[in-house]
Amino acid sequence: MMTPLHPLAAVAAGTMLGLAALTAPNTTPTRGLQALPDCSSECAGMSPAVPAVGMGVPDDQLHHVSMPGRYGLSEPPEGDGYAIVGGHLVRIDAADGRILSVLRPAPRILD
């Protein structure tokens, strides 16, 4: 038959561990502290700058969305279109490419 440990045994063990931690030599680990290369905003988990509403975007700086359903969108209103600009899904004026609204980040092109 086993006997339960005395309640103070746990306190004593905790005290010993705490004292050991306090009296351990203060060393600085050196492994893994090498300088890291500079990180862009994307690799740091930050989204790129949000395009501004009203901004005109040249065709070579945007991806026209040809399949809105892949982005969870219905067909755009008459005269509008969807595009990806700077990593963001936007609604644009089809005639002049001006951004009418910024919908959400679009980390990948799906169409």
PDB file of N, CA and C in Angstrom:
ATOM      1  N   MET A   1       0.845  -1.166   0.000  1.00  0.00           N
ATOM      2  CA  MET A   1       0.000   0.000   0.000  1.00  0.00           C
ATOM      3  C   MET A   1       0.902   1.244   0.000  1.00  0.00           C
ATOM      4  N   MET A   2       0.536   2.221  -0.864  1.00  0.00           N
ATOM      5  CA  MET A   2       1.341   3.432  -0.970  1.00  0.00           C
ATOM      6  C   MET A   2       0.774   4.497  -0.036  1.00  0.00           C
ATOM      7  N   THR A   3       1.660   5.282   0.497  1.00  0.00           N
ATOM      8  CA  THR A   3       1.214   6.384   1.339  1.00  0.00           C
ATOM      9  C   THR A   3       1.334   7.673   0.550  1.00  0.00           C
ATOM     10  N   PRO A   4       0.381   8.587   0.718  1.00  0.00           N
ATOM     11  CA  PRO A   4       0.465   9.856  -0.016  1.00  0.00           C
ATOM     12  C   PRO A   4       1.656  10.686   0.463  1.00  0.00           C
ATOM     13  N   LEU A   5       2.201  11.472  -0.441  1.00  0.00           N
ATOM     14  CA  LEU A   5       3.309  12.356  -0.079  1.00  0.00           C
ATOM     15  C   LEU A   5       2.816  13.438   0.861  1.00  0.00           C
ATOM     16  N   HIS A   6       3.689  13.858   1.692  1.00  0.00           N
ATOM     17  CA  HIS A   6       3.350  14.936   2.620  1.00  0.00           C
ATOM     18  C   HIS A   6       3.168  16.222   1.816  1.00  0.00           C
ATOM     19  N   PRO A   7       2.160  17.028   2.115  1.00  0.00           N
ATOM     20  CA  PRO A   7       1.927  18.264   1.336  1.00  0.00           C
ATOM     21  C   PRO A   7       3.131  19.191   1.304  1.00  0.00           C
ATOM     22  N   LEU A   8       3.934  19.176   2.319  1.00  0.00           N
ATOM     23  CA  LEU A   8       5.089  20.072   2.327  1.00  0.00           C
ATOM     24  C   LEU A   8       6.220  19.570   1.437  1.00  0.00           C
ATOM     25  N   ALA A   9       6.173  18.301   1.005  1.00  0.00           N
ATOM     26  CA  ALA A   9       7.217  17.773   0.127  1.00  0.00           C
ATOM     27  C   ALA A   9       7.211  18.516  -1.201  1.00  0.00           C
ATOM     28  N   ALA A  10       6.033  18.805  -1.726  1.00  0.00           N
ATOM     29  CA  ALA A  10       5.939  19.549  -2.985  1.00  0.00           C
ATOM     30  C   ALA A  10       6.477  20.958  -2.819  1.00  0.00           C
ATOM     31  N   VAL A  11       6.191  21.578  -1.688  1.00  0.00           N
ATOM     32  CA  VAL A  11       6.695  22.932  -1.431  1.00  0.00           C
ATOM     33  C   VAL A  11       8.216  22.907  -1.345  1.00  0.00           C
ATOM     34  N   ALA A  12       8.746  21.919  -0.680  1.00  0.00           N
ATOM     35  CA  ALA A  12      10.197  21.819  -0.534  1.00  0.00           C
ATOM     36  C   ALA A  12      10.857  21.609  -1.896  1.00  0.00           C
ATOM     37  N   ALA A  13      10.281  20.743  -2.722  1.00  0.00           N
ATOM     38  CA  ALA A  13      10.850  20.501  -4.045  1.00  0.00           C
ATOM     39  C   ALA A  13      10.803  21.769  -4.893  1.00  0.00           C
ATOM     40  N   GLY A  14       9.702  22.501  -4.842  1.00  0.00           N
ATOM     41  CA  GLY A  14       9.581  23.750  -5.598  1.00  0.00           C
ATOM     42  C   GLY A  14      10.585  24.787  -5.131  1.00  0.00           C
ATOM     43  N   THR A  15      10.798  24.854  -3.837  1.00  0.00           N
ATOM     44  CA  THR A  15      11.761  25.808  -3.285  1.00  0.00           C
ATOM     45  C   THR A  15      13.168  25.479  -3.775  1.00  0.00           C
ATOM     46  N   MET A  16      13.520  24.203  -3.771  1.00  0.00           N
ATOM     47  CA  MET A  16      14.853  23.802  -4.218  1.00  0.00           C
ATOM     48  C   MET A  16      15.061  24.147  -5.696  1.00  0.00           C
ATOM     49  N   LEU A  17      14.040  23.910  -6.519  1.00  0.00           N
ATOM     50  CA  LEU A  17      14.165  24.242  -7.935  1.00  0.00           C
ATOM     51  C   LEU A  17      14.295  25.742  -8.142  1.00  0.00           C
ATOM     52  N   GLY A  18      13.531  26.508  -7.377  1.00  0.00           N
ATOM     53  CA  GLY A  18      13.612  27.962  -7.482  1.00  0.00           C
ATOM     54  C   GLY A  18      14.969  28.487  -7.077  1.00  0.00           C
ATOM     55  N   LEU A  19      15.534  27.947  -5.998  1.00  0.00           N
ATOM     56  CA  LEU A  19      16.868  28.367  -5.562  1.00  0.00           C
ATOM     57  C   LEU A  19      17.932  27.986  -6.580  1.00  0.00           C
ATOM     58  N   ALA A  20      17.774  26.831  -7.199  1.00  0.00           N
ATOM     59  CA  ALA A  20      18.735  26.407  -8.213  1.00  0.00           C
ATOM     60  C   ALA A  20      18.718  27.377  -9.392  1.00  0.00           C
ATOM     61  N   ALA A  21      17.535  27.828  -9.769  1.00  0.00           N
ATOM     62  CA  ALA A  21      17.429  28.771 -10.882  1.00  0.00           C
ATOM     63  C   ALA A  21      18.039  30.118 -10.518  1.00  0.00           C
ATOM     64  N   LEU A  22      17.875  30.544  -9.274  1.00  0.00           N
ATOM     65  CA  LEU A  22      18.421  31.837  -8.849  1.00  0.00           C
ATOM     66  C   LEU A  22      19.939  31.824  -8.741  1.00  0.00           C
ATOM     67  N   THR A  23      20.498  30.686  -8.405  1.00  0.00           N
ATOM     68  CA  THR A  23      21.942  30.640  -8.199  1.00  0.00           C
ATOM     69  C   THR A  23      22.700  30.134  -9.425  1.00  0.00           C
ATOM     70  N   ALA A  24      22.007  29.797 -10.509  1.00  0.00           N
ATOM     71  CA  ALA A  24      22.677  29.329 -11.720  1.00  0.00           C
ATOM     72  C   ALA A  24      23.486  30.461 -12.330  1.00  0.00           C
ATOM     73  N   PRO A  25      24.593  30.145 -12.981  1.00  0.00           N
ATOM     74  CA  PRO A  25      25.384  31.215 -13.604  1.00  0.00           C
ATOM     75  C   PRO A  25      24.581  31.914 -14.701  1.00  0.00           C
ATOM     76  N   ASN A  26      24.784  33.203 -14.804  1.00  0.00           N
ATOM     77  CA  ASN A  26      24.056  34.006 -15.783  1.00  0.00           C
ATOM     78  C   ASN A  26      24.821  33.961 -17.098  1.00  0.00           C
ATOM     79  N   THR A  27      24.415  33.068 -17.997  1.00  0.00           N
ATOM     80  CA  THR A  27      25.083  32.940 -19.279  1.00  0.00           C
ATOM     81  C   THR A  27      24.147  33.371 -20.386  1.00  0.00           C
ATOM     82  N   THR A  28      24.723  33.886 -21.438  1.00  0.00           N
ATOM     83  CA  THR A  28      23.948  34.299 -22.604  1.00  0.00           C
ATOM     84  C   THR A  28      24.116  33.254 -23.691  1.00  0.00           C
ATOM     85  N   PRO A  29      23.020  32.672 -24.164  1.00  0.00           N
ATOM     86  CA  PRO A  29      23.171  31.689 -25.239  1.00  0.00           C
ATOM     87  C   PRO A  29      23.667  32.375 -26.504  1.00  0.00           C
ATOM     88  N   THR A  30      24.566  31.708 -27.212  1.00  0.00           N
ATOM     89  CA  THR A  30      25.102  32.302 -28.430  1.00  0.00           C
ATOM     90  C   THR A  30      24.545  31.653 -29.683  1.00  0.00           C
ATOM     91  N   ARG A  31      24.027  30.447 -29.574  1.00  0.00           N
ATOM     92  CA  ARG A  31      23.485  29.771 -30.747  1.00  0.00           C
ATOM     93  C   ARG A  31      22.183  30.441 -31.168  1.00  0.00           C
ATOM     94  N   GLY A  32      22.049  30.723 -32.448  1.00  0.00           N
ATOM     95  CA  GLY A  32      20.818  31.309 -32.964  1.00  0.00           C
ATOM     96  C   GLY A  32      20.752  32.819 -32.856  1.00  0.00           C
ATOM     97  N   LEU A  33      21.831  33.475 -32.435  1.00  0.00           N
ATOM     98  CA  LEU A  33      21.807  34.933 -32.287  1.00  0.00           C
ATOM     99  C   LEU A  33      22.526  35.650 -33.424  1.00  0.00           C
ATOM    100  N   GLN A  34      22.801  34.928 -34.521  1.00  0.00           N
ATOM    101  CA  GLN A  34      23.462  35.561 -35.656  1.00  0.00           C
ATOM    102  C   GLN A  34      22.526  36.601 -36.266  1.00  0.00           C
ATOM    103  N   ALA A  35      23.117  37.566 -36.940  1.00  0.00           N
ATOM    104  CA  ALA A  35      22.326  38.612 -37.589  1.00  0.00           C
ATOM    105  C   ALA A  35      21.450  37.996 -38.675  1.00  0.00           C
ATOM    106  N   LEU A  36      20.204  38.411 -38.716  1.00  0.00           N
ATOM    107  CA  LEU A  36      19.265  37.926 -39.717  1.00  0.00           C
ATOM    108  C   LEU A  36      19.223  38.889 -40.894  1.00  0.00           C
ATOM    109  N   PRO A  37      18.959  38.397 -42.096  1.00  0.00           N
ATOM    110  CA  PRO A  37      18.848  39.304 -43.240  1.00  0.00           C
ATOM    111  C   PRO A  37      17.616  40.191 -43.078  1.00  0.00           C
ATOM    112  N   ASP A  38      17.670  41.357 -43.725  1.00  0.00           N
ATOM    113  CA  ASP A  38      16.522  42.262 -43.685  1.00  0.00           C
ATOM    114  C   ASP A  38      15.295  41.564 -44.258  1.00  0.00           C
ATOM    115  N   CYS A  39      14.147  41.892 -43.696  1.00  0.00           N
ATOM    116  CA  CYS A  39      12.896  41.236 -44.085  1.00  0.00           C
ATOM    117  C   CYS A  39      11.957  42.284 -44.669  1.00  0.00           C
ATOM    118  N   SER A  40      11.301  41.931 -45.763  1.00  0.00           N
ATOM    119  CA  SER A  40      10.315  42.833 -46.348  1.00  0.00           C
ATOM    120  C   SER A  40       9.042  42.787 -45.518  1.00  0.00           C
ATOM    121  N   SER A  41       8.100  43.664 -45.803  1.00  0.00           N
ATOM    122  CA  SER A  41       6.849  43.677 -45.041  1.00  0.00           C
ATOM    123  C   SER A  41       6.063  42.390 -45.233  1.00  0.00           C
ATOM    124  N   GLU A  42       6.177  41.741 -46.405  1.00  0.00           N
ATOM    125  CA  GLU A  42       5.442  40.505 -46.648  1.00  0.00           C
ATOM    126  C   GLU A  42       5.959  39.374 -45.777  1.00  0.00           C
ATOM    127  N   CYS A  43       7.295  39.238 -45.667  1.00  0.00           N
ATOM    128  CA  CYS A  43       7.822  38.118 -44.891  1.00  0.00           C
ATOM    129  C   CYS A  43       7.639  38.370 -43.400  1.00  0.00           C
ATOM    130  N   ALA A  44       7.454  39.611 -42.997  1.00  0.00           N
ATOM    131  CA  ALA A  44       7.212  39.912 -41.588  1.00  0.00           C
ATOM    132  C   ALA A  44       5.752  39.711 -41.218  1.00  0.00           C
ATOM    133  N   GLY A  45       4.935  39.277 -42.185  1.00  0.00           N
ATOM    134  CA  GLY A  45       3.536  39.027 -41.887  1.00  0.00           C
ATOM    135  C   GLY A  45       2.651  40.251 -42.043  1.00  0.00           C
ATOM    136  N   MET A  46       3.199  41.312 -42.527  1.00  0.00           N
ATOM    137  CA  MET A  46       2.416  42.522 -42.727  1.00  0.00           C
ATOM    138  C   MET A  46       1.958  42.561 -44.179  1.00  0.00           C
ATOM    139  N   SER A  47       0.783  43.074 -44.399  1.00  0.00           N
ATOM    140  CA  SER A  47       0.313  43.157 -45.775  1.00  0.00           C
ATOM    141  C   SER A  47       0.912  44.397 -46.440  1.00  0.00           C
ATOM    142  N   PRO A  48       1.081  44.353 -47.753  1.00  0.00           N
ATOM    143  CA  PRO A  48       1.625  45.518 -48.440  1.00  0.00           C
ATOM    144  C   PRO A  48       0.690  46.723 -48.307  1.00  0.00           C
ATOM    145  N   ALA A  49       1.182  47.896 -48.670  1.00  0.00           N
ATOM    146  CA  ALA A  49       0.396  49.117 -48.552  1.00  0.00           C
ATOM    147  C   ALA A  49      -0.907  48.991 -49.328  1.00  0.00           C
ATOM    148  N   VAL A  50      -1.979  49.464 -48.721  1.00  0.00           N
ATOM    149  CA  VAL A  50      -3.306  49.392 -49.336  1.00  0.00           C
ATOM    150  C   VAL A  50      -3.401  50.453 -50.426  1.00  0.00           C
ATOM    151  N   PRO A  51      -3.838  50.058 -51.631  1.00  0.00           N
ATOM    152  CA  PRO A  51      -4.012  51.053 -52.691  1.00  0.00           C
ATOM    153  C   PRO A  51      -5.091  52.076 -52.300  1.00  0.00           C
ATOM    154  N   ALA A  52      -4.955  53.285 -52.813  1.00  0.00           N
ATOM    155  CA  ALA A  52      -5.886  54.358 -52.461  1.00  0.00           C
ATOM    156  C   ALA A  52      -7.078  54.394 -53.413  1.00  0.00           C
ATOM    157  N   VAL A  53      -8.257  54.613 -52.844  1.00  0.00           N
ATOM    158  CA  VAL A  53      -9.469  54.787 -53.655  1.00  0.00           C
ATOM    159  C   VAL A  53      -9.301  56.061 -54.479  1.00  0.00           C
ATOM    160  N   GLY A  54      -9.660  55.997 -55.755  1.00  0.00           N
ATOM    161  CA  GLY A  54      -9.521  57.135 -56.655  1.00  0.00           C
ATOM    162  C   GLY A  54      -8.224  57.121 -57.435  1.00  0.00           C
ATOM    163  N   MET A  55      -7.306  56.254 -57.029  1.00  0.00           N
ATOM    164  CA  MET A  55      -6.011  56.177 -57.683  1.00  0.00           C
ATOM    165  C   MET A  55      -6.160  55.485 -59.037  1.00  0.00           C
ATOM    166  N   GLY A  56      -5.565  56.054 -60.065  1.00  0.00           N
ATOM    167  CA  GLY A  56      -5.536  55.409 -61.377  1.00  0.00           C
ATOM    168  C   GLY A  56      -4.383  54.427 -61.414  1.00  0.00           C
ATOM    169  N   VAL A  57      -4.628  53.237 -61.936  1.00  0.00           N
ATOM    170  CA  VAL A  57      -3.595  52.204 -61.966  1.00  0.00           C
ATOM    171  C   VAL A  57      -3.346  51.800 -63.411  1.00  0.00           C
ATOM    172  N   PRO A  58      -2.098  51.915 -63.874  1.00  0.00           N
ATOM    173  CA  PRO A  58      -1.786  51.470 -65.229  1.00  0.00           C
ATOM    174  C   PRO A  58      -1.999  49.962 -65.367  1.00  0.00           C
ATOM    175  N   ASP A  59      -2.348  49.524 -66.570  1.00  0.00           N
ATOM    176  CA  ASP A  59      -2.633  48.109 -66.823  1.00  0.00           C
ATOM    177  C   ASP A  59      -1.472  47.185 -66.470  1.00  0.00           C
ATOM    178  N   ASP A  60      -0.247  47.668 -66.590  1.00  0.00           N
ATOM    179  CA  ASP A  60       0.896  46.791 -66.305  1.00  0.00           C
ATOM    180  C   ASP A  60       1.137  46.605 -64.805  1.00  0.00           C
ATOM    181  N   GLN A  61       0.369  47.316 -63.944  1.00  0.00           N
ATOM    182  CA  GLN A  61       0.519  47.193 -62.498  1.00  0.00           C
ATOM    183  C   GLN A  61      -0.670  46.517 -61.841  1.00  0.00           C
ATOM    184  N   LEU A  62      -1.559  45.923 -62.634  1.00  0.00           N
ATOM    185  CA  LEU A  62      -2.709  45.239 -62.049  1.00  0.00           C
ATOM    186  C   LEU A  62      -2.982  43.939 -62.777  1.00  0.00           C
ATOM    187  N   HIS A  63      -3.676  43.065 -62.099  1.00  0.00           N
ATOM    188  CA  HIS A  63      -4.124  41.803 -62.692  1.00  0.00           C
ATOM    189  C   HIS A  63      -5.641  41.862 -62.772  1.00  0.00           C
ATOM    190  N   HIS A  64      -6.179  41.851 -63.990  1.00  0.00           N
ATOM    191  CA  HIS A  64      -7.633  41.859 -64.157  1.00  0.00           C
ATOM    192  C   HIS A  64      -8.185  40.499 -63.742  1.00  0.00           C
ATOM    193  N   VAL A  65      -9.177  40.499 -62.864  1.00  0.00           N
ATOM    194  CA  VAL A  65      -9.806  39.261 -62.412  1.00  0.00           C
ATOM    195  C   VAL A  65     -10.787  38.811 -63.488  1.00  0.00           C
ATOM    196  N   SER A  66     -10.554  37.617 -64.019  1.00  0.00           N
ATOM    197  CA  SER A  66     -11.425  37.096 -65.069  1.00  0.00           C
ATOM    198  C   SER A  66     -12.471  36.127 -64.516  1.00  0.00           C
ATOM    199  N   MET A  67     -12.243  35.595 -63.330  1.00  0.00           N
ATOM    200  CA  MET A  67     -13.178  34.658 -62.702  1.00  0.00           C
ATOM    201  C   MET A  67     -13.498  35.121 -61.289  1.00  0.00           C
ATOM    202  N   PRO A  68     -14.431  36.063 -61.134  1.00  0.00           N
ATOM    203  CA  PRO A  68     -14.725  36.618 -59.806  1.00  0.00           C
ATOM    204  C   PRO A  68     -15.172  35.565 -58.791  1.00  0.00           C
ATOM    205  N   GLY A  69     -15.810  34.496 -59.245  1.00  0.00           N
ATOM    206  CA  GLY A  69     -16.280  33.459 -58.336  1.00  0.00           C
ATOM    207  C   GLY A  69     -15.163  32.809 -57.544  1.00  0.00           C
ATOM    208  N   ARG A  70     -13.981  32.736 -58.110  1.00  0.00           N
ATOM    209  CA  ARG A  70     -12.848  32.156 -57.389  1.00  0.00           C
ATOM    210  C   ARG A  70     -12.431  32.997 -56.189  1.00  0.00           C
ATOM    211  N   TYR A  71     -12.857  34.251 -56.177  1.00  0.00           N
ATOM    212  CA  TYR A  71     -12.559  35.153 -55.062  1.00  0.00           C
ATOM    213  C   TYR A  71     -13.782  35.358 -54.174  1.00  0.00           C
ATOM    214  N   GLY A  72     -14.847  34.600 -54.449  1.00  0.00           N
ATOM    215  CA  GLY A  72     -16.071  34.741 -53.660  1.00  0.00           C
ATOM    216  C   GLY A  72     -16.890  35.947 -54.064  1.00  0.00           C
ATOM    217  N   LEU A  73     -16.732  36.408 -55.302  1.00  0.00           N
ATOM    218  CA  LEU A  73     -17.436  37.600 -55.778  1.00  0.00           C
ATOM    219  C   LEU A  73     -18.437  37.213 -56.863  1.00  0.00           C
ATOM    220  N   SER A  74     -19.479  38.031 -56.986  1.00  0.00           N
ATOM    221  CA  SER A  74     -20.392  37.880 -58.116  1.00  0.00           C
ATOM    222  C   SER A  74     -19.862  38.747 -59.252  1.00  0.00           C
ATOM    223  N   GLU A  75     -20.572  38.792 -60.349  1.00  0.00           N
ATOM    224  CA  GLU A  75     -20.160  39.651 -61.459  1.00  0.00           C
ATOM    225  C   GLU A  75     -20.162  41.111 -60.990  1.00  0.00           C
ATOM    226  N   PRO A  76     -19.214  41.909 -61.456  1.00  0.00           N
ATOM    227  CA  PRO A  76     -19.158  43.309 -61.027  1.00  0.00           C
ATOM    228  C   PRO A  76     -20.312  44.112 -61.627  1.00  0.00           C
ATOM    229  N   PRO A  77     -20.642  45.249 -61.017  1.00  0.00           N
ATOM    230  CA  PRO A  77     -21.666  46.126 -61.595  1.00  0.00           C
ATOM    231  C   PRO A  77     -21.270  46.561 -63.007  1.00  0.00           C
ATOM    232  N   GLU A  78     -22.250  46.931 -63.782  1.00  0.00           N
ATOM    233  CA  GLU A  78     -22.029  47.384 -65.163  1.00  0.00           C
ATOM    234  C   GLU A  78     -20.991  48.505 -65.187  1.00  0.00           C
ATOM    235  N   GLY A  79     -19.975  48.357 -66.043  1.00  0.00           N
ATOM    236  CA  GLY A  79     -18.939  49.387 -66.194  1.00  0.00           C
ATOM    237  C   GLY A  79     -17.796  49.254 -65.196  1.00  0.00           C
ATOM    238  N   ASP A  80     -17.882  48.306 -64.276  1.00  0.00           N
ATOM    239  CA  ASP A  80     -16.826  48.089 -63.283  1.00  0.00           C
ATOM    240  C   ASP A  80     -16.138  46.766 -63.568  1.00  0.00           C
ATOM    241  N   GLY A  81     -15.047  46.540 -62.890  1.00  0.00           N
ATOM    242  CA  GLY A  81     -14.322  45.280 -62.976  1.00  0.00           C
ATOM    243  C   GLY A  81     -13.591  45.046 -61.676  1.00  0.00           C
ATOM    244  N   TYR A  82     -13.072  43.858 -61.515  1.00  0.00           N
ATOM    245  CA  TYR A  82     -12.266  43.528 -60.340  1.00  0.00           C
ATOM    246  C   TYR A  82     -10.834  43.336 -60.794  1.00  0.00           C
ATOM    247  N   ALA A  83      -9.908  43.669 -59.902  1.00  0.00           N
ATOM    248  CA  ALA A  83      -8.493  43.510 -60.210  1.00  0.00           C
ATOM    249  C   ALA A  83      -7.730  43.292 -58.912  1.00  0.00           C
ATOM    250  N   ILE A  84      -6.510  42.839 -59.065  1.00  0.00           N
ATOM    251  CA  ILE A  84      -5.602  42.750 -57.928  1.00  0.00           C
ATOM    252  C   ILE A  84      -4.510  43.778 -58.152  1.00  0.00           C
ATOM    253  N   VAL A  85      -4.371  44.665 -57.173  1.00  0.00           N
ATOM    254  CA  VAL A  85      -3.381  45.739 -57.230  1.00  0.00           C
ATOM    255  C   VAL A  85      -2.585  45.704 -55.931  1.00  0.00           C
ATOM    256  N   GLY A  86      -1.288  45.530 -56.032  1.00  0.00           N
ATOM    257  CA  GLY A  86      -0.445  45.555 -54.833  1.00  0.00           C
ATOM    258  C   GLY A  86      -0.871  44.556 -53.777  1.00  0.00           C
ATOM    259  N   GLY A  87      -1.328  43.377 -54.190  1.00  0.00           N
ATOM    260  CA  GLY A  87      -1.719  42.352 -53.232  1.00  0.00           C
ATOM    261  C   GLY A  87      -3.089  42.547 -52.620  1.00  0.00           C
ATOM    262  N   HIS A  88      -3.912  43.434 -53.202  1.00  0.00           N
ATOM    263  CA  HIS A  88      -5.268  43.686 -52.701  1.00  0.00           C
ATOM    264  C   HIS A  88      -6.283  43.516 -53.827  1.00  0.00           C
ATOM    265  N   LEU A  89      -7.403  42.950 -53.487  1.00  0.00           N
ATOM    266  CA  LEU A  89      -8.523  42.817 -54.415  1.00  0.00           C
ATOM    267  C   LEU A  89      -9.274  44.136 -54.415  1.00  0.00           C
ATOM    268  N   VAL A  90      -9.449  44.721 -55.595  1.00  0.00           N
ATOM    269  CA  VAL A  90     -10.103  46.031 -55.709  1.00  0.00           C
ATOM    270  C   VAL A  90     -11.175  45.983 -56.793  1.00  0.00           C
ATOM    271  N   ARG A  91     -12.110  46.932 -56.700  1.00  0.00           N
ATOM    272  CA  ARG A  91     -13.101  47.141 -57.763  1.00  0.00           C
ATOM    273  C   ARG A  91     -12.652  48.372 -58.511  1.00  0.00           C
ATOM    274  N   ILE A  92     -12.571  48.266 -59.848  1.00  0.00           N
ATOM    275  CA  ILE A  92     -12.069  49.380 -60.645  1.00  0.00           C
ATOM    276  C   ILE A  92     -13.107  49.816 -61.668  1.00  0.00           C
ATOM    277  N   ASP A  93     -12.957  51.046 -62.120  1.00  0.00           N
ATOM    278  CA  ASP A  93     -13.748  51.552 -63.243  1.00  0.00           C
ATOM    279  C   ASP A  93     -13.122  50.946 -64.490  1.00  0.00           C
ATOM    280  N   ALA A  94     -13.890  50.163 -65.225  1.00  0.00           N
ATOM    281  CA  ALA A  94     -13.353  49.448 -66.392  1.00  0.00           C
ATOM    282  C   ALA A  94     -12.858  50.405 -67.469  1.00  0.00           C
ATOM    283  N   ALA A  95     -13.418  51.608 -67.534  1.00  0.00           N
ATOM    284  CA  ALA A  95     -13.044  52.548 -68.587  1.00  0.00           C
ATOM    285  C   ALA A  95     -11.674  53.170 -68.354  1.00  0.00           C
ATOM    286  N   ASP A  96     -11.396  53.626 -67.133  1.00  0.00           N
ATOM    287  CA  ASP A  96     -10.140  54.346 -66.910  1.00  0.00           C
ATOM    288  C   ASP A  96      -9.209  53.704 -65.874  1.00  0.00           C
ATOM    289  N   GLY A  97      -9.616  52.592 -65.255  1.00  0.00           N
ATOM    290  CA  GLY A  97      -8.753  51.890 -64.311  1.00  0.00           C
ATOM    291  C   GLY A  97      -8.654  52.507 -62.934  1.00  0.00           C
ATOM    292  N   ARG A  98      -9.476  53.531 -62.648  1.00  0.00           N
ATOM    293  CA  ARG A  98      -9.471  54.132 -61.299  1.00  0.00           C
ATOM    294  C   ARG A  98     -10.011  53.136 -60.282  1.00  0.00           C
ATOM    295  N   ILE A  99      -9.416  53.119 -59.092  1.00  0.00           N
ATOM    296  CA  ILE A  99      -9.883  52.240 -58.020  1.00  0.00           C
ATOM    297  C   ILE A  99     -11.133  52.855 -57.399  1.00  0.00           C
ATOM    298  N   LEU A 100     -12.219  52.083 -57.395  1.00  0.00           N
ATOM    299  CA  LEU A 100     -13.481  52.541 -56.821  1.00  0.00           C
ATOM    300  C   LEU A 100     -13.647  52.084 -55.378  1.00  0.00           C
ATOM    301  N   SER A 101     -13.111  50.899 -55.051  1.00  0.00           N
ATOM    302  CA  SER A 101     -13.136  50.421 -53.666  1.00  0.00           C
ATOM    303  C   SER A 101     -12.077  49.337 -53.490  1.00  0.00           C
ATOM    304  N   VAL A 102     -11.549  49.276 -52.270  1.00  0.00           N
ATOM    305  CA  VAL A 102     -10.588  48.233 -51.908  1.00  0.00           C
ATOM    306  C   VAL A 102     -11.366  47.203 -51.108  1.00  0.00           C
ATOM    307  N   LEU A 103     -11.392  45.960 -51.610  1.00  0.00           N
ATOM    308  CA  LEU A 103     -12.226  44.939 -50.995  1.00  0.00           C
ATOM    309  C   LEU A 103     -11.520  44.197 -49.862  1.00  0.00           C
ATOM    310  N   ARG A 104     -10.329  43.661 -50.122  1.00  0.00           N
ATOM    311  CA  ARG A 104      -9.610  42.912 -49.086  1.00  0.00           C
ATOM    312  C   ARG A 104      -8.247  42.508 -49.642  1.00  0.00           C
ATOM    313  N   PRO A 105      -7.340  42.059 -48.742  1.00  0.00           N
ATOM    314  CA  PRO A 105      -6.060  41.542 -49.225  1.00  0.00           C
ATOM    315  C   PRO A 105      -6.279  40.301 -50.092  1.00  0.00           C
ATOM    316  N   ALA A 106      -5.455  40.140 -51.089  1.00  0.00           N
ATOM    317  CA  ALA A 106      -5.495  38.971 -51.974  1.00  0.00           C
ATOM    318  C   ALA A 106      -4.068  38.456 -52.101  1.00  0.00           C
ATOM    319  N   PRO A 107      -3.653  37.565 -51.203  1.00  0.00           N
ATOM    320  CA  PRO A 107      -2.261  37.119 -51.211  1.00  0.00           C
ATOM    321  C   PRO A 107      -1.874  36.302 -52.441  1.00  0.00           C
ATOM    322  N   ARG A 108      -2.866  35.707 -53.127  1.00  0.00           N
ATOM    323  CA  ARG A 108      -2.570  34.891 -54.312  1.00  0.00           C
ATOM    324  C   ARG A 108      -3.510  35.251 -55.447  1.00  0.00           C
ATOM    325  N   ILE A 109      -3.013  35.091 -56.659  1.00  0.00           N
ATOM    326  CA  ILE A 109      -3.874  35.233 -57.844  1.00  0.00           C
ATOM    327  C   ILE A 109      -4.473  33.870 -58.106  1.00  0.00           C
ATOM    328  N   LEU A 110      -5.797  33.815 -58.202  1.00  0.00           N
ATOM    329  CA  LEU A 110      -6.502  32.558 -58.315  1.00  0.00           C
ATOM    330  C   LEU A 110      -7.033  32.267 -59.728  1.00  0.00           C
ATOM    331  N   ASP A 111      -6.928  33.212 -60.640  1.00  0.00           N
ATOM    332  CA  ASP A 111      -7.409  32.989 -61.999  1.00  0.00           C
ATOM    333  C   ASP A 111      -6.382  33.369 -63.041  1.00  0.00           C
TER     334      ASP A 111
END
